[in-house]
Amino acid sequence: MSRAFVKEGSGELGPLPDLPLSAHPNYVTARGLAALRARLADRQAILAALRARRDRLDKLPEAAAERDIRYLEARLRSAIEVEAAARPLQAVAFGCAVSVLDPAGMQSRYEIVGEDEADASLGRIAPQSPLARALIGAEVGDLVLWRRPNGVVELEVAKIDRIDPPT
């Protein structure tokens, strides 16, 4: 057999490459910060359970958990919590919920939150998103232009609220 196809070494799996970190400032809401901490605790518990296995031949799940922990620790170190509760609700800003009306009169509600908390299915958008960039700074009654891939939509800011406190 040719030695070209035989893997040399200890059989240990090296660390997986780190997950990419955003170049943007890591602004977080109180809810987002709590969620990051919970995700870190969860991944640490998973890693402990993986390390406690009797049969540890497959090291990939451990390496993935270690990689996720490095990512979450980095996100927590760089977190900048924004206290939106003290800020007046005159204009849309990070940490606000905003209700908008589209040209058909359909109302939608969006929360401008940190990247790790963003979830379009829940109406939570990151401040770097095109919609958030269009909304930030707008006041109730203002018309904003949301530039989307399939065209521009004009939205009217109907209401600005605080994001619900963490549960």
Protein backbone atom coordinates (compact mmCIF):
# COMPACT_ATOMS: atom_id res chain seq x y z
CA MET A 1 0.00 0.00 0.00
CA SER A 2 1.25 3.45 -0.81
CA ARG A 3 2.10 5.62 2.21
CA ALA A 4 0.48 8.59 0.45
CA PHE A 5 -2.93 7.55 1.75
CA VAL A 6 -1.98 6.82 5.35
CA LYS A 7 -2.63 9.65 7.83
CA GLU A 8 0.23 10.23 10.20
CA GLY A 9 -0.18 11.79 13.62
CA SER A 10 -1.81 11.24 16.97
CA GLY A 11 -5.37 11.01 15.67
CA GLU A 12 -6.31 14.11 17.68
CA LEU A 13 -8.63 16.61 16.05
CA GLY A 14 -7.25 20.14 16.08
CA PRO A 15 -9.46 23.12 16.89
CA LEU A 16 -12.03 24.05 14.28
CA PRO A 17 -11.59 27.43 12.59
CA ASP A 18 -13.24 30.27 14.49
CA LEU A 19 -16.61 31.56 13.37
CA PRO A 20 -16.34 34.97 11.70
CA LEU A 21 -16.92 38.00 13.93
CA SER A 22 -18.72 41.05 12.63
CA ALA A 23 -16.72 44.18 11.96
CA HIS A 24 -19.61 46.31 13.25
CA PRO A 25 -19.83 47.52 16.86
CA ASN A 26 -21.53 44.84 18.95
CA TYR A 27 -24.49 46.81 20.30
CA VAL A 28 -26.86 44.66 22.36
CA THR A 29 -30.16 45.10 24.17
CA ALA A 30 -30.59 43.77 27.72
CA ARG A 31 -32.56 40.87 26.22
CA GLY A 32 -29.83 40.21 23.66
CA LEU A 33 -27.12 40.24 26.33
CA ALA A 34 -29.10 37.79 28.46
CA ALA A 35 -29.59 35.53 25.42
CA LEU A 36 -25.84 35.55 24.66
CA ARG A 37 -25.08 34.58 28.26
CA ALA A 38 -27.68 31.80 28.14
CA ARG A 39 -26.28 30.47 24.85
CA LEU A 40 -22.78 30.43 26.35
CA ALA A 41 -23.95 28.55 29.46
CA ASP A 42 -25.80 26.07 27.23
CA ARG A 43 -22.75 25.40 25.04
CA GLN A 44 -20.55 25.01 28.14
CA ALA A 45 -22.98 22.44 29.55
CA ILE A 46 -23.02 20.59 26.23
CA LEU A 47 -19.21 20.55 26.15
CA ALA A 48 -19.05 19.20 29.71
CA ALA A 49 -21.51 16.43 28.80
CA LEU A 50 -19.52 15.57 25.68
CA ARG A 51 -16.29 15.37 27.67
CA ALA A 52 -17.97 13.10 30.24
CA ARG A 53 -18.84 10.46 27.62
CA ARG A 54 -17.23 7.07 28.06
CA ASP A 55 -16.71 6.67 24.32
CA ARG A 56 -14.97 9.82 23.09
CA LEU A 57 -13.79 8.54 19.73
CA ASP A 58 -15.70 11.21 17.81
CA LYS A 59 -14.09 14.50 18.85
CA LEU A 60 -15.91 16.64 16.27
CA PRO A 61 -18.87 17.53 18.54
CA GLU A 62 -16.42 18.65 21.25
CA ALA A 63 -14.44 20.74 18.77
CA ALA A 64 -17.66 22.35 17.53
CA ALA A 65 -18.75 23.19 21.08
CA GLU A 66 -15.31 24.67 21.86
CA ARG A 67 -15.50 26.78 18.69
CA ASP A 68 -18.99 28.01 19.60
CA ILE A 69 -17.81 28.89 23.12
CA ARG A 70 -14.88 30.92 21.73
CA TYR A 71 -17.31 32.79 19.47
CA LEU A 72 -19.82 33.51 22.26
CA GLU A 73 -17.07 34.61 24.66
CA ALA A 74 -15.74 37.01 22.01
CA ARG A 75 -19.25 38.41 21.40
CA LEU A 76 -19.75 38.93 25.15
CA ARG A 77 -16.35 40.65 25.52
CA SER A 78 -17.22 43.06 22.72
CA ALA A 79 -20.85 43.64 23.77
CA ILE A 80 -21.92 47.25 24.22
CA GLU A 81 -25.23 47.26 26.09
CA VAL A 82 -27.49 50.12 25.03
CA GLU A 83 -29.91 51.28 27.71
CA ALA A 84 -32.88 52.35 25.61
CA ALA A 85 -35.21 52.82 28.60
CA ALA A 86 -33.78 56.23 29.50
CA ARG A 87 -33.84 57.56 25.93
CA PRO A 88 -36.83 59.61 24.76
CA LEU A 89 -38.93 58.03 22.02
CA GLN A 90 -38.85 60.94 19.60
CA ALA A 91 -36.94 59.17 16.82
CA VAL A 92 -36.27 55.59 15.83
CA ALA A 93 -33.01 54.34 17.33
CA PHE A 94 -31.28 51.14 18.38
CA GLY A 95 -33.33 49.32 21.00
CA CYS A 96 -36.66 50.72 19.77
CA ALA A 97 -39.68 49.00 18.34
CA VAL A 98 -41.21 50.81 15.39
CA SER A 99 -44.56 50.28 13.69
CA VAL A 100 -44.77 51.24 10.04
CA LEU A 101 -47.51 51.41 7.41
CA ASP A 102 -46.84 50.30 3.85
CA PRO A 103 -48.59 51.89 0.83
CA ALA A 104 -51.47 49.40 1.14
CA GLY A 105 -52.06 50.45 4.76
CA MET A 106 -50.67 47.18 6.18
CA GLN A 107 -48.99 47.72 9.54
CA SER A 108 -45.76 45.93 10.51
CA ARG A 109 -43.69 46.14 13.68
CA TYR A 110 -39.89 45.87 13.80
CA GLU A 111 -37.41 45.92 16.66
CA ILE A 112 -33.92 47.25 16.03
CA VAL A 113 -31.65 44.92 17.99
CA GLY A 114 -28.10 43.55 17.98
CA GLU A 115 -26.83 41.24 15.27
CA ASP A 116 -26.93 38.16 17.51
CA GLU A 117 -30.54 38.88 18.48
CA ALA A 118 -31.77 39.68 14.97
CA ASP A 119 -34.43 37.31 13.63
CA ALA A 120 -36.50 38.43 10.66
CA SER A 121 -39.26 35.93 11.44
CA LEU A 122 -39.80 37.76 14.76
CA GLY A 123 -39.47 41.24 13.24
CA ARG A 124 -36.09 41.77 14.91
CA ILE A 125 -33.63 43.50 12.61
CA ALA A 126 -29.96 44.43 12.98
CA PRO A 127 -29.01 48.10 12.76
CA GLN A 128 -26.92 47.37 9.64
CA SER A 129 -29.90 46.02 7.71
CA PRO A 130 -31.28 48.17 4.89
CA LEU A 131 -34.63 48.54 6.68
CA ALA A 132 -33.06 49.62 9.98
CA ARG A 133 -30.79 52.08 8.18
CA ALA A 134 -33.87 53.60 6.52
CA LEU A 135 -35.77 53.83 9.82
CA ILE A 136 -33.09 55.06 12.24
CA GLY A 137 -33.58 58.76 12.91
CA ALA A 138 -37.14 58.88 11.54
CA GLU A 139 -39.96 60.29 13.66
CA VAL A 140 -43.66 59.43 13.82
CA GLY A 141 -45.33 60.61 10.61
CA ASP A 142 -42.10 60.54 8.57
CA LEU A 143 -41.97 58.70 5.27
CA VAL A 144 -38.87 56.58 4.70
CA LEU A 145 -37.63 54.76 1.63
CA TRP A 146 -36.73 51.10 2.14
CA ARG A 147 -34.47 50.04 -0.71
CA ARG A 148 -35.03 46.33 -1.36
CA PRO A 149 -33.66 44.11 -4.13
CA ASN A 150 -37.05 44.06 -5.86
CA GLY A 151 -37.66 47.80 -5.58
CA VAL A 152 -38.11 50.72 -3.25
CA VAL A 153 -41.00 50.75 -0.76
CA GLU A 154 -42.19 53.88 0.99
CA LEU A 155 -43.09 53.32 4.65
CA GLU A 156 -44.74 55.68 7.09
CA VAL A 157 -43.55 55.59 10.70
CA ALA A 158 -46.74 55.11 12.70
CA LYS A 159 -45.47 54.48 16.23
CA ILE A 160 -42.23 54.22 18.21
CA ASP A 161 -42.14 52.06 21.35
CA ARG A 162 -39.69 50.55 23.75
CA ILE A 163 -38.77 46.91 23.30
CA ASP A 164 -40.43 44.69 25.86
CA PRO A 165 -38.16 43.98 28.84
CA PRO A 166 -36.40 40.60 28.93
CA THR A 167 -38.47 37.72 30.20
